[in-house]
Protein backbone atom coordinates (compact mmCIF):
# COMPACT_ATOMS: atom_id res chain seq x y z
CA MET A 1 110.83 151.03 160.52
CA ILE A 2 112.99 150.77 157.42
CA ASP A 3 111.92 147.18 156.84
CA SER A 4 108.26 148.15 157.07
CA LEU A 5 108.65 151.13 154.76
CA THR A 6 110.74 149.32 152.18
CA ASN A 7 108.32 146.38 152.25
CA SER A 8 105.40 148.74 151.70
CA LEU A 9 107.22 150.48 148.85
CA GLU A 10 108.05 147.12 147.31
CA GLN A 11 104.41 146.05 147.43
CA TYR A 12 103.32 149.42 146.04
CA MET A 13 105.75 149.01 143.14
CA ASN A 14 104.46 145.46 142.55
CA VAL A 15 100.91 146.80 142.18
CA LEU A 16 102.19 149.52 139.84
CA SER A 17 104.00 146.87 137.81
CA LEU A 18 100.81 144.83 137.47
CA ARG A 19 98.90 147.92 136.38
CA GLN A 20 101.60 148.69 133.80
CA LYS A 21 101.28 145.18 132.35
CA LEU A 22 97.49 145.43 132.24
CA VAL A 23 97.51 148.84 130.57
CA ALA A 24 100.01 147.58 127.99
CA SER A 25 97.78 144.57 127.36
CA ASN A 26 94.73 146.82 127.02
CA ILE A 27 96.52 148.96 124.45
CA ALA A 28 97.77 145.90 122.56
CA ASN A 29 94.20 144.56 122.42
CA ALA A 30 92.50 147.84 121.50
CA ASP A 31 91.40 146.34 118.16
CA THR A 32 90.63 142.83 119.41
CA PRO A 33 86.90 142.11 119.07
CA GLY A 34 85.28 141.27 122.40
CA TYR A 35 88.30 142.28 124.50
CA LYS A 36 87.38 143.76 127.89
CA THR A 37 89.59 146.34 129.60
CA GLN A 38 91.40 145.13 132.71
CA ASP A 39 92.87 147.12 135.57
CA VAL A 40 93.54 146.78 139.28
CA ASP A 41 91.42 148.03 142.15
CA PHE A 42 94.42 149.97 143.37
CA GLN A 43 93.48 150.34 147.05
CA ALA A 44 92.28 146.74 147.43
CA SER A 45 95.28 145.36 145.55
CA LEU A 46 97.75 147.39 147.59
CA GLN A 47 96.13 146.26 150.84
CA ALA A 48 96.16 142.64 149.67
CA ALA A 49 99.84 142.92 148.70
CA VAL A 50 100.79 144.49 152.05
CA ASP A 51 98.87 141.72 153.84
CA GLY A 52 100.88 139.10 151.95
CA GLY A 53 98.41 138.39 149.16
CA SER A 54 98.64 139.06 145.47
CA PRO A 55 97.16 142.00 143.60
CA ALA A 56 94.47 140.89 141.18
CA ALA A 57 93.26 142.11 137.81
CA VAL A 58 89.62 143.08 137.43
CA GLN A 59 87.49 143.91 134.43
CA VAL A 60 86.65 147.60 134.21
CA SER A 61 82.96 148.38 134.06
CA GLY A 62 81.25 151.53 132.88
CA LEU A 63 83.28 152.00 129.71
CA ALA A 64 81.65 152.51 126.34
CA VAL A 65 81.46 149.26 124.39
CA ARG A 66 81.99 149.39 120.64
CA ASN A 67 80.00 147.33 118.15
CA ASP A 68 82.68 144.63 118.18
CA GLY A 69 82.32 144.21 121.98
CA ASN A 70 85.66 145.86 122.78
CA ASN A 71 85.65 148.55 125.47
CA VAL A 72 89.29 149.78 125.45
CA ASP A 73 89.47 153.58 125.68
CA LEU A 74 92.92 154.62 124.44
CA ASP A 75 92.65 158.06 126.07
CA ARG A 76 92.03 156.40 129.44
CA GLU A 77 94.92 154.02 128.92
CA ALA A 78 97.30 156.85 127.96
CA ARG A 79 96.30 158.73 131.11
CA LEU A 80 96.90 155.62 133.22
CA LEU A 81 100.34 155.13 131.63
CA ALA A 82 101.33 158.68 132.55
CA GLU A 83 99.90 158.38 136.06
CA ASN A 84 101.59 155.04 136.61
CA ALA A 85 104.96 156.39 135.42
CA MET A 86 104.67 159.30 137.84
CA ARG A 87 103.75 157.02 140.75
CA PHE A 88 106.61 154.64 139.93
CA SER A 89 109.07 157.54 139.77
CA VAL A 90 107.98 158.79 143.19
CA ALA A 91 108.23 155.29 144.68
CA THR A 92 111.67 154.80 143.13
CA ASN A 93 112.88 158.11 144.57
CA LEU A 94 111.56 157.19 148.02
CA MET A 95 113.26 153.79 147.86
CA HIS A 96 116.51 155.44 146.75
CA SER A 97 116.27 157.84 149.69
CA GLU A 98 115.76 154.97 152.12
CA ILE A 99 118.76 153.12 150.73
CA GLN A 100 120.88 156.27 151.00
CA GLN A 101 119.90 156.64 154.67
CA VAL A 102 120.93 153.05 155.36
CA ARG A 103 124.26 153.61 153.59
CA GLU A 104 124.90 156.71 155.67
CA ALA A 105 124.08 154.82 158.87
CA ILE A 106 126.45 152.00 157.90
CA LYS A 107 129.25 154.48 157.10
CA GLY A 108 128.69 156.10 160.48
CA GLY A 109 127.64 159.42 158.99
CA SER A 110 131.18 160.22 157.87
């Protein structure tokens, strides 16, 4: 059970890490003409990661495109940064809890 849970948490954190990199790239390219916002299809990427595949970046559709062809929405990216930080914090706390349980089991509960 612990192996399955820690593996799932690891894959979840890998998807979060990819999203963090993509959001940072989107923000860095907010003024780059023709740049298209990238993100991850979170559910599909998580399932792929759990199944042994790699999460993949996708272009985000439906965003307003400026005259220079760029579609980065800084408000959206800021929201994703905050959401991603919260998700990563929760995952980190869960992983810490799992590790603590293993330590307690090894110590014999003393």
